[in-house]
Amino acid sequence: MPPTASFFTDLVRTRHSPRQFLPTPLPAADIRGVLQDAQTAPSNSNTQPWKVHVVSGAARDALSSELLKAYEEDRTSPDFTSGYGEGIYQERSHQHAAVVYGARGVKRSDREGRKEVIRENLRFYGAPHVALLFMPVLGDGVRTAGDIGMYAQNFLLSLTARGYRGIPQAVLGVYADTVRRSLGVPEELKLLFGIAFGVGDETSPMHDIGMGRIPLQQSVVLHDTPGVLDKHRASFRQIERQPSVAD
């Protein structure tokens, strides 16, 4: 492989979502660089529909407090529906939960322990920064959400290239009204998800828990493209053990 391809392969396959960060703030120049990298993402007709709020310091602490309060009072306000159906996607979600709770030593019967895992999520896992990704609703919103997904992947890979970590947090979107109110965001902007980011705490057992990935044969259909799956089947088993954006 050319050197640039090798670098990207290493970058994308070693990127993972830690669940514990050090409190150390990132240099402003690095945050700006990550945002500039993310801004190069493609978008439908170059609409660039993302509106990103980066929250740090006292504002970050205040937002976390409001989210925890909303959780304790059961005040959810998602802008988008969620669910995993009854089949394989639900099964994968359950496997994901088993890995996360298992790494924390929380049994399925431990209701308070499971609640504390959610609270840690709303504390941004100790990360000093969180980026909230808002979107205007253009049409049914599907293309816009896809554009923001590409923006987020750029954001995450840029963090990784600089030696930092980030974790997408869909749960933040469950409390969209709370976030909008805390940050002064207009109602017409909808909250898709957030990304907590900073320096990962490598001493924590929650820093590097691998989620695994399904084989290519389960997600890719080839048309007149012979040899691809057979040729790479063995090496892909290694990729399965690498964590990724959906962790």
Foldseek 3Di string as FASTA:
>chain_A
DPPVVVVVVVLQLQAAAFLAFALDDDDPVLVVVLLVQLQPFDADVRPSFKDKDKDFDPLLVVLLVLVVVCVVVVPWDAPDDDDQPDDDSVVLVVLVVCLQCVLVVHDPPRVVSVVVSVSSVSNLNSFRMKMWIWGACDPPNPRVVVRVVRSVVSSQSSQSVVQKHKAKAQVVSRRFVSVCVSVVNDPRIHTRTMIRMDHFDPVRSRGFGFSFDDQPVVPDDDDPPPDPRVVCVVVVNVSRRGHHHVD
